[in-house]
Structures are given as C-alpha cells and as structure tokens.
C-alpha cells in the first residue's frame, strides 16, 4: 500500500499561539471543527454567526471569548490570525472577500463555490490579498480513500 499520509502536518506545538476566528456556528462547527481544534490545543479567539444566539451558545460551549457582531468585525480583530469560513457555499464568496480584505488566512469549507468561475474568483481574491486559502477536504486522508487510490493505481478500478 502506498503512503498517502499528509505531508503538511504541523510540528507539535507549532502555531498553537495563532488565534482562530470562526464565521458560522452551525452543526458542523460545534460537532466537528471546534472539538478538533480543542483536541489539537488550538486557540479560538472569536466567533460570528448571523444568528447571534447560536453564536453565543457555541461560544459558551467551547470557551470562545468573543462573539463578534459581524464578519467584518471578526476578520479585523488583532487576536484573529486565521479564519474558518463555515458558511453556505453561496455566501462563501462574500465572506471570503471580507476575510481576504482584512489580510487573514482562511480555511473555507467545501464546496468552495456553486460553480467553477465563482471558485476561481475566490482563489483570485485570496491571491491578490496575499493570503493563504485552503479548502477543507478532510476525507482526503481517510483510510477508505487511500485504499481506493491504491486500487486505482493497481488498475483494479
């Protein structure tokens, strides 16, 4: 079996001082993102959601110190270095623009956009702003996906 381990792993302790802001407080954030960030020892700085009550509840649950009043406020905070953009794909272009304009790196959730042209425009926005943009494809490293890659490489599939 081939080695499909991620080559981007962060060294132990590296980057743990960076502040993460989250835009979006839906179920995937409280059920997956925040538990993973907590388990990794990452620092959550702020959260924003258009549903302020939901954002406050998630902030309380995960000890996030700031509930921002807007995506713009969150993105411009000095204690936010990276933004997890966890919004619906048709909202993502606008939010990614706000985050890029603030000069913050971002992790956007999949799908990045509803069509190729919009996705390419989001990438262009990040490049022009000089910020890193990643798209969360967490299943890429899943054992089943790795096994499927091997089967394709062997010509079985």
N, C-alpha and C. Protein backbone atom coordinates (compact mmCIF):
# COMPACT_ATOMS: atom_id res chain seq x y z
N UNK A 1 0.84 -1.19 0.00
CA UNK A 1 0.00 0.00 0.00
C UNK A 1 0.88 1.25 0.00
N UNK A 2 0.51 2.21 -0.76
CA UNK A 2 1.26 3.46 -0.86
C UNK A 2 1.08 4.30 0.39
N UNK A 3 2.00 5.23 0.60
CA UNK A 3 1.90 6.14 1.72
C UNK A 3 1.18 7.41 1.27
N UNK A 4 -0.06 7.56 1.72
CA UNK A 4 -0.83 8.75 1.39
C UNK A 4 -0.97 9.66 2.61
N UNK A 5 -0.01 9.56 3.52
CA UNK A 5 -0.06 10.41 4.71
C UNK A 5 0.11 11.86 4.31
N UNK A 6 -0.55 12.75 5.02
CA UNK A 6 -0.40 14.17 4.72
C UNK A 6 1.05 14.61 4.90
N UNK A 7 1.55 15.41 3.98
CA UNK A 7 2.91 15.93 4.05
C UNK A 7 2.95 17.33 4.65
N UNK A 8 1.83 17.78 5.16
CA UNK A 8 1.72 19.16 5.65
C UNK A 8 1.55 19.23 7.16
N UNK A 9 1.71 18.11 7.85
CA UNK A 9 1.46 18.10 9.30
C UNK A 9 2.25 19.18 10.01
N UNK A 10 1.60 19.82 10.96
CA UNK A 10 2.23 20.86 11.77
C UNK A 10 3.02 20.18 12.88
N UNK A 11 4.24 20.63 13.08
CA UNK A 11 5.07 20.09 14.16
C UNK A 11 4.38 20.36 15.50
N UNK A 12 4.59 19.47 16.43
CA UNK A 12 3.99 19.60 17.76
C UNK A 12 4.31 20.97 18.34
N UNK A 13 3.28 21.66 18.77
CA UNK A 13 3.43 22.96 19.40
C UNK A 13 3.47 24.14 18.43
N UNK A 14 3.81 23.90 17.17
CA UNK A 14 3.92 24.98 16.20
C UNK A 14 2.55 25.58 15.86
N UNK A 15 2.46 26.90 15.89
CA UNK A 15 1.23 27.59 15.50
C UNK A 15 0.15 27.62 16.57
N UNK A 16 0.42 27.06 17.73
CA UNK A 16 -0.62 27.00 18.76
C UNK A 16 -0.93 28.37 19.35
N UNK A 17 -0.08 29.35 19.06
CA UNK A 17 -0.32 30.70 19.56
C UNK A 17 -1.20 31.52 18.61
N UNK A 18 -1.45 31.00 17.41
CA UNK A 18 -2.29 31.73 16.45
C UNK A 18 -3.75 31.68 16.88
N UNK A 19 -4.45 32.77 16.69
CA UNK A 19 -5.86 32.83 17.06
C UNK A 19 -6.75 32.48 15.88
N UNK A 20 -7.71 31.63 16.11
CA UNK A 20 -8.65 31.22 15.08
C UNK A 20 -9.98 31.91 15.32
N UNK A 21 -10.52 32.50 14.27
CA UNK A 21 -11.87 33.03 14.30
C UNK A 21 -12.74 32.16 13.42
N UNK A 22 -13.98 31.98 13.81
CA UNK A 22 -14.89 31.16 13.01
C UNK A 22 -16.08 32.00 12.60
N UNK A 23 -16.37 31.96 11.31
CA UNK A 23 -17.56 32.61 10.79
C UNK A 23 -18.53 31.49 10.42
N UNK A 24 -19.58 31.38 11.21
CA UNK A 24 -20.55 30.29 11.08
C UNK A 24 -20.57 29.49 12.36
N UNK A 25 -21.75 29.17 12.85
CA UNK A 25 -21.87 28.43 14.11
C UNK A 25 -22.85 27.26 13.96
N UNK A 26 -22.85 26.66 12.78
CA UNK A 26 -23.75 25.54 12.52
C UNK A 26 -23.28 24.25 13.15
N UNK A 27 -24.01 23.20 12.87
CA UNK A 27 -23.75 21.90 13.48
C UNK A 27 -22.37 21.34 13.20
N UNK A 28 -21.83 21.55 12.00
CA UNK A 28 -20.50 21.04 11.68
C UNK A 28 -19.43 21.74 12.51
N UNK A 29 -19.67 23.01 12.82
CA UNK A 29 -18.71 23.77 13.64
C UNK A 29 -18.70 23.22 15.06
N UNK A 30 -19.88 23.10 15.68
CA UNK A 30 -19.93 22.63 17.07
C UNK A 30 -19.70 21.12 17.19
N UNK A 31 -20.02 20.37 16.13
CA UNK A 31 -19.87 18.92 16.20
C UNK A 31 -18.54 18.39 15.72
N UNK A 32 -17.81 19.17 14.91
CA UNK A 32 -16.57 18.66 14.35
C UNK A 32 -15.40 19.65 14.46
N UNK A 33 -15.58 20.86 13.94
CA UNK A 33 -14.46 21.80 13.90
C UNK A 33 -13.94 22.14 15.30
N UNK A 34 -14.83 22.62 16.14
CA UNK A 34 -14.38 23.07 17.46
C UNK A 34 -13.86 21.93 18.34
N UNK A 35 -14.50 20.76 18.35
CA UNK A 35 -13.89 19.66 19.11
C UNK A 35 -12.49 19.30 18.59
N UNK A 36 -12.28 19.34 17.28
CA UNK A 36 -10.96 19.04 16.71
C UNK A 36 -9.95 20.12 17.09
N UNK A 37 -10.35 21.38 16.99
CA UNK A 37 -9.44 22.46 17.38
C UNK A 37 -9.07 22.36 18.85
N UNK A 38 -10.05 22.06 19.68
CA UNK A 38 -9.79 21.91 21.11
C UNK A 38 -8.82 20.75 21.36
N UNK A 39 -9.07 19.60 20.73
CA UNK A 39 -8.21 18.42 20.91
C UNK A 39 -6.78 18.70 20.45
N UNK A 40 -6.63 19.55 19.44
CA UNK A 40 -5.29 19.88 18.93
C UNK A 40 -4.61 20.98 19.74
N UNK A 41 -5.31 21.54 20.71
CA UNK A 41 -4.73 22.59 21.53
C UNK A 41 -4.64 23.93 20.83
N UNK A 42 -5.53 24.15 19.85
CA UNK A 42 -5.52 25.42 19.13
C UNK A 42 -6.34 26.47 19.89
N UNK A 43 -6.02 27.72 19.63
CA UNK A 43 -6.64 28.83 20.38
C UNK A 43 -7.76 29.46 19.57
N UNK A 44 -8.95 29.41 20.10
CA UNK A 44 -10.11 30.04 19.49
C UNK A 44 -10.22 31.46 20.04
N UNK A 45 -10.32 32.43 19.13
CA UNK A 45 -10.37 33.84 19.55
C UNK A 45 -11.76 34.45 19.48
N UNK A 46 -12.51 34.12 18.42
CA UNK A 46 -13.80 34.78 18.22
C UNK A 46 -14.67 33.95 17.29
N UNK A 47 -15.97 34.21 17.38
CA UNK A 47 -16.94 33.54 16.51
C UNK A 47 -17.99 34.56 16.09
N UNK A 48 -18.53 34.35 14.88
CA UNK A 48 -19.65 35.16 14.40
C UNK A 48 -20.60 34.25 13.64
N UNK A 49 -21.88 34.50 13.81
CA UNK A 49 -22.92 33.86 13.02
C UNK A 49 -24.05 34.88 12.88
N UNK A 50 -24.78 34.81 11.77
CA UNK A 50 -25.90 35.74 11.60
C UNK A 50 -26.96 35.50 12.67
N UNK A 51 -26.96 34.31 13.26
CA UNK A 51 -27.83 34.01 14.40
C UNK A 51 -26.99 34.22 15.67
N UNK A 52 -27.10 35.42 16.24
CA UNK A 52 -26.26 35.80 17.39
C UNK A 52 -26.47 34.87 18.59
N UNK A 53 -27.70 34.39 18.79
CA UNK A 53 -27.94 33.48 19.91
C UNK A 53 -27.19 32.17 19.72
N UNK A 54 -27.20 31.66 18.51
CA UNK A 54 -26.46 30.43 18.22
C UNK A 54 -24.96 30.64 18.43
N UNK A 55 -24.44 31.75 17.95
CA UNK A 55 -23.02 32.06 18.13
C UNK A 55 -22.67 32.15 19.61
N UNK A 56 -23.53 32.77 20.39
CA UNK A 56 -23.28 32.88 21.84
C UNK A 56 -23.30 31.52 22.52
N UNK A 57 -24.24 30.66 22.13
CA UNK A 57 -24.32 29.32 22.72
C UNK A 57 -23.08 28.50 22.39
N UNK A 58 -22.62 28.57 21.16
CA UNK A 58 -21.41 27.83 20.76
C UNK A 58 -20.19 28.41 21.46
N UNK A 59 -20.13 29.73 21.57
CA UNK A 59 -19.02 30.37 22.28
C UNK A 59 -18.97 29.91 23.73
N UNK A 60 -20.12 29.84 24.38
CA UNK A 60 -20.18 29.37 25.77
C UNK A 60 -19.73 27.91 25.88
N UNK A 61 -20.20 27.08 24.96
CA UNK A 61 -19.88 25.66 24.98
C UNK A 61 -18.38 25.41 24.81
N UNK A 62 -17.71 26.23 24.00
CA UNK A 62 -16.30 25.99 23.68
C UNK A 62 -15.36 27.06 24.22
N UNK A 63 -15.84 27.85 25.16
CA UNK A 63 -15.00 28.87 25.81
C UNK A 63 -14.34 29.83 24.81
N UNK A 64 -15.10 30.25 23.82
CA UNK A 64 -14.60 31.24 22.87
C UNK A 64 -14.88 32.61 23.47
N UNK A 65 -13.85 33.42 23.68
CA UNK A 65 -14.03 34.65 24.46
C UNK A 65 -14.84 35.75 23.80
N UNK A 66 -14.93 35.79 22.47
CA UNK A 66 -15.58 36.91 21.80
C UNK A 66 -16.63 36.42 20.82
N UNK A 67 -17.82 37.00 20.91
CA UNK A 67 -18.85 36.81 19.88
C UNK A 67 -18.89 38.13 19.11
N UNK A 68 -18.40 38.09 17.89
CA UNK A 68 -18.33 39.30 17.07
C UNK A 68 -19.72 39.67 16.56
N UNK A 69 -19.92 40.96 16.31
CA UNK A 69 -21.20 41.45 15.82
C UNK A 69 -21.33 41.33 14.30
N UNK A 70 -20.21 41.07 13.60
CA UNK A 70 -20.25 40.94 12.15
C UNK A 70 -19.02 40.17 11.68
N UNK A 71 -19.10 39.68 10.44
CA UNK A 71 -17.94 39.01 9.85
C UNK A 71 -16.79 40.00 9.72
N UNK A 72 -17.10 41.24 9.37
CA UNK A 72 -16.06 42.27 9.24
C UNK A 72 -15.35 42.51 10.57
N UNK A 73 -16.13 42.61 11.64
CA UNK A 73 -15.52 42.82 12.96
C UNK A 73 -14.59 41.67 13.30
N UNK A 74 -15.05 40.44 13.11
CA UNK A 74 -14.23 39.27 13.43
C UNK A 74 -12.94 39.29 12.60
N UNK A 75 -13.06 39.51 11.30
CA UNK A 75 -11.91 39.45 10.41
C UNK A 75 -10.86 40.52 10.72
N UNK A 76 -11.29 41.64 11.28
CA UNK A 76 -10.35 42.73 11.57
C UNK A 76 -9.80 42.70 12.99
N UNK A 77 -10.15 41.70 13.76
CA UNK A 77 -9.64 41.62 15.13
C UNK A 77 -8.15 41.30 15.13
N UNK A 78 -7.41 41.93 16.02
CA UNK A 78 -5.97 41.66 16.14
C UNK A 78 -5.67 40.27 16.68
N UNK A 79 -6.60 39.69 17.43
CA UNK A 79 -6.35 38.37 18.01
C UNK A 79 -6.82 37.23 17.10
N UNK A 80 -7.23 37.54 15.87
CA UNK A 80 -7.62 36.53 14.88
C UNK A 80 -6.55 36.53 13.78
N UNK A 81 -5.90 35.39 13.63
CA UNK A 81 -4.87 35.23 12.60
C UNK A 81 -5.37 34.42 11.40
N UNK A 82 -6.27 33.48 11.68
CA UNK A 82 -6.80 32.56 10.68
C UNK A 82 -8.31 32.52 10.86
N UNK A 83 -9.04 32.45 9.75
CA UNK A 83 -10.50 32.39 9.84
C UNK A 83 -11.00 31.10 9.19
N UNK A 84 -11.79 30.36 9.97
CA UNK A 84 -12.50 29.19 9.46
C UNK A 84 -13.82 29.72 8.92
N UNK A 85 -13.98 29.67 7.61
CA UNK A 85 -15.19 30.18 6.95
C UNK A 85 -16.14 28.99 6.76
N UNK A 86 -17.11 28.88 7.66
CA UNK A 86 -18.02 27.74 7.67
C UNK A 86 -19.44 28.22 7.38
N UNK A 87 -19.61 28.69 6.15
CA UNK A 87 -20.91 29.22 5.72
C UNK A 87 -21.38 28.46 4.49
N UNK A 88 -22.60 28.72 4.09
CA UNK A 88 -23.15 28.08 2.90
C UNK A 88 -22.36 28.50 1.66
N UNK A 89 -22.24 27.63 0.67
CA UNK A 89 -21.38 27.94 -0.48
C UNK A 89 -21.78 29.19 -1.25
N UNK A 90 -23.03 29.54 -1.26
CA UNK A 90 -23.44 30.75 -1.98
C UNK A 90 -23.15 32.02 -1.19
N UNK A 91 -22.80 31.89 0.08
CA UNK A 91 -22.40 33.04 0.90
C UNK A 91 -20.87 33.15 0.96
N UNK A 92 -20.21 32.05 0.69
CA UNK A 92 -18.75 31.99 0.85
C UNK A 92 -17.98 33.03 0.05
N UNK A 93 -18.35 33.36 -1.20
CA UNK A 93 -17.58 34.38 -1.93
C UNK A 93 -17.54 35.73 -1.20
N UNK A 94 -18.67 36.15 -0.68
CA UNK A 94 -18.71 37.43 0.04
C UNK A 94 -17.87 37.37 1.31
N UNK A 95 -18.04 36.31 2.08
CA UNK A 95 -17.31 36.19 3.35
C UNK A 95 -15.81 36.06 3.09
N UNK A 96 -15.43 35.26 2.10
CA UNK A 96 -14.01 35.11 1.77
C UNK A 96 -13.41 36.45 1.36
N UNK A 97 -14.19 37.27 0.67
CA UNK A 97 -13.73 38.60 0.30
C UNK A 97 -13.47 39.48 1.50
N UNK A 98 -14.35 39.41 2.48
CA UNK A 98 -14.18 40.18 3.72
C UNK A 98 -12.92 39.73 4.44
N UNK A 99 -12.72 38.43 4.53
CA UNK A 99 -11.56 37.88 5.24
C UNK A 99 -10.27 38.23 4.51
N UNK A 100 -10.26 38.09 3.20
CA UNK A 100 -9.07 38.43 2.41
C UNK A 100 -8.74 39.92 2.53
N UNK A 101 -9.77 40.75 2.47
CA UNK A 101 -9.56 42.20 2.58
C UNK A 101 -8.92 42.56 3.92
N UNK A 102 -9.24 41.78 4.95
CA UNK A 102 -8.67 42.01 6.28
C UNK A 102 -7.26 41.45 6.39
N UNK A 103 -6.80 40.76 5.34
CA UNK A 103 -5.44 40.22 5.35
C UNK A 103 -5.28 38.95 6.17
N UNK A 104 -6.38 38.21 6.33
CA UNK A 104 -6.31 37.00 7.16
C UNK A 104 -6.32 35.75 6.28
N UNK A 105 -5.56 34.76 6.68
CA UNK A 105 -5.57 33.46 6.02
C UNK A 105 -6.90 32.79 6.36
N UNK A 106 -7.33 31.85 5.48
CA UNK A 106 -8.65 31.26 5.72
C UNK A 106 -8.71 29.80 5.31
N UNK A 107 -9.55 29.09 6.03
CA UNK A 107 -9.92 27.73 5.70
C UNK A 107 -11.39 27.79 5.32
N UNK A 108 -11.68 27.55 4.04
CA UNK A 108 -13.06 27.55 3.57
C UNK A 108 -13.57 26.11 3.54
N UNK A 109 -14.82 25.95 3.81
CA UNK A 109 -15.41 24.61 3.79
C UNK A 109 -15.87 24.26 2.38
N UNK A 110 -15.99 22.99 2.14
CA UNK A 110 -16.45 22.54 0.82
C UNK A 110 -17.96 22.53 0.77
N UNK A 111 -18.55 22.73 -0.36
CA UNK A 111 -17.90 23.17 -1.59
C UNK A 111 -17.49 24.63 -1.50
N UNK A 112 -16.39 24.95 -2.16
CA UNK A 112 -15.90 26.32 -2.13
C UNK A 112 -16.89 27.29 -2.76
N UNK A 113 -17.54 26.85 -3.83
CA UNK A 113 -18.48 27.71 -4.54
C UNK A 113 -19.49 26.84 -5.27
N UNK A 114 -20.49 27.49 -5.82
CA UNK A 114 -21.53 26.78 -6.55
C UNK A 114 -21.13 26.46 -7.99
N UNK A 115 -20.08 27.13 -8.49
CA UNK A 115 -19.62 26.86 -9.85
C UNK A 115 -18.13 27.20 -9.95
N UNK A 116 -17.52 26.72 -11.01
CA UNK A 116 -16.08 26.89 -11.19
C UNK A 116 -15.66 28.36 -11.22
N UNK A 117 -16.37 29.17 -11.98
CA UNK A 117 -15.99 30.58 -12.13
C UNK A 117 -15.99 31.29 -10.78
N UNK A 118 -16.97 31.02 -9.96
CA UNK A 118 -17.03 31.65 -8.63
C UNK A 118 -15.89 31.15 -7.75
N UNK A 119 -15.62 29.85 -7.81
CA UNK A 119 -14.49 29.31 -7.05
C UNK A 119 -13.17 29.93 -7.47
N UNK A 120 -12.97 30.06 -8.78
CA UNK A 120 -11.75 30.68 -9.29
C UNK A 120 -11.64 32.13 -8.84
N UNK A 121 -12.77 32.83 -8.79
CA UNK A 121 -12.77 34.22 -8.33
C UNK A 121 -12.38 34.32 -6.85
N UNK A 122 -12.83 33.37 -6.04
CA UNK A 122 -12.44 33.36 -4.62
C UNK A 122 -10.93 33.15 -4.51
N UNK A 123 -10.39 32.22 -5.27
CA UNK A 123 -8.95 31.97 -5.27
C UNK A 123 -8.20 33.24 -5.70
N UNK A 124 -8.66 33.89 -6.76
CA UNK A 124 -8.03 35.13 -7.22
C UNK A 124 -8.05 36.21 -6.14
N UNK A 125 -9.17 36.32 -5.44
CA UNK A 125 -9.29 37.31 -4.35
C UNK A 125 -8.24 37.05 -3.29
N UNK A 126 -8.07 35.80 -2.89
CA UNK A 126 -7.07 35.46 -1.87
C UNK A 126 -5.66 35.74 -2.37
N UNK A 127 -5.39 35.38 -3.62
CA UNK A 127 -4.05 35.62 -4.18
C UNK A 127 -3.73 37.10 -4.24
N UNK A 128 -4.69 37.91 -4.68
CA UNK A 128 -4.47 39.37 -4.75
C UNK A 128 -4.22 39.95 -3.37
N UNK A 129 -4.87 39.40 -2.36
CA UNK A 129 -4.70 39.91 -0.99
C UNK A 129 -3.44 39.36 -0.33
N UNK A 130 -2.81 38.37 -0.96
CA UNK A 130 -1.59 37.78 -0.39
C UNK A 130 -1.86 36.89 0.81
N UNK A 131 -3.06 36.28 0.85
CA UNK A 131 -3.38 35.39 1.98
C UNK A 131 -3.51 33.95 1.48
N UNK A 132 -3.29 33.04 2.39
CA UNK A 132 -3.44 31.62 2.08
C UNK A 132 -4.90 31.23 2.17
N UNK A 133 -5.34 30.42 1.23
CA UNK A 133 -6.70 29.91 1.21
C UNK A 133 -6.60 28.39 1.10
N UNK A 134 -7.25 27.70 2.00
CA UNK A 134 -7.33 26.25 1.93
C UNK A 134 -8.80 25.86 1.91
N UNK A 135 -9.09 24.74 1.29
CA UNK A 135 -10.45 24.21 1.27
C UNK A 135 -10.42 22.90 2.04
N UNK A 136 -11.33 22.78 2.98
CA UNK A 136 -11.36 21.61 3.86
C UNK A 136 -11.90 20.39 3.12
N UNK A 137 -11.03 19.46 2.83
CA UNK A 137 -11.40 18.17 2.25
C UNK A 137 -10.87 17.09 3.20
N UNK A 138 -11.46 17.01 4.37
CA UNK A 138 -10.94 16.16 5.42
C UNK A 138 -10.91 14.68 5.05
N UNK A 139 -11.77 14.23 4.16
CA UNK A 139 -11.79 12.81 3.80
C UNK A 139 -10.60 12.42 2.92
N UNK A 140 -9.84 13.39 2.46
CA UNK A 140 -8.70 13.10 1.59
C UNK A 140 -7.75 12.08 2.22
N UNK A 141 -7.62 12.10 3.54
CA UNK A 141 -6.66 11.24 4.23
C UNK A 141 -7.35 10.03 4.87
N UNK A 142 -8.63 9.84 4.62
CA UNK A 142 -9.38 8.71 5.17
C UNK A 142 -8.82 7.39 4.63
N UNK A 143 -8.82 6.36 5.47
CA UNK A 143 -8.28 5.05 5.06
C UNK A 143 -8.99 4.49 3.83
N UNK A 144 -10.30 4.67 3.75
CA UNK A 144 -11.05 4.17 2.59
C UNK A 144 -10.66 4.88 1.31
N UNK A 145 -10.39 6.16 1.39
CA UNK A 145 -9.96 6.91 0.22
C UNK A 145 -8.56 6.45 -0.20
N UNK A 146 -7.67 6.26 0.78
CA UNK A 146 -6.31 5.77 0.47
C UNK A 146 -6.37 4.40 -0.19
N UNK A 147 -7.22 3.52 0.32
CA UNK A 147 -7.36 2.18 -0.27
C UNK A 147 -7.90 2.28 -1.70
N UNK A 148 -8.83 3.18 -1.92
CA UNK A 148 -9.36 3.38 -3.27
C UNK A 148 -8.28 3.87 -4.22
N UNK A 149 -7.43 4.79 -3.75
CA UNK A 149 -6.32 5.27 -4.58
C UNK A 149 -5.42 4.11 -4.98
N UNK A 150 -5.13 3.22 -4.02
CA UNK A 150 -4.29 2.06 -4.33
C UNK A 150 -4.94 1.17 -5.38
N UNK A 151 -6.24 0.94 -5.24
CA UNK A 151 -6.94 0.09 -6.21
C UNK A 151 -6.91 0.72 -7.61
N UNK A 152 -7.04 2.04 -7.68
CA UNK A 152 -6.94 2.72 -8.97
C UNK A 152 -5.52 2.59 -9.52
N UNK A 153 -4.52 2.82 -8.67
CA UNK A 153 -3.12 2.74 -9.10
C UNK A 153 -2.76 1.33 -9.59
N UNK A 154 -3.37 0.32 -8.99
CA UNK A 154 -3.11 -1.07 -9.38
C UNK A 154 -3.91 -1.51 -10.61
N UNK A 155 -4.79 -0.63 -11.07
CA UNK A 155 -5.61 -0.96 -12.22
C UNK A 155 -6.82 -1.81 -11.92
N UNK A 156 -7.10 -2.02 -10.65
CA UNK A 156 -8.26 -2.82 -10.25
C UNK A 156 -9.55 -2.04 -10.53
N UNK A 157 -9.52 -0.76 -10.29
CA UNK A 157 -10.67 0.10 -10.55
C UNK A 157 -10.37 1.02 -11.71
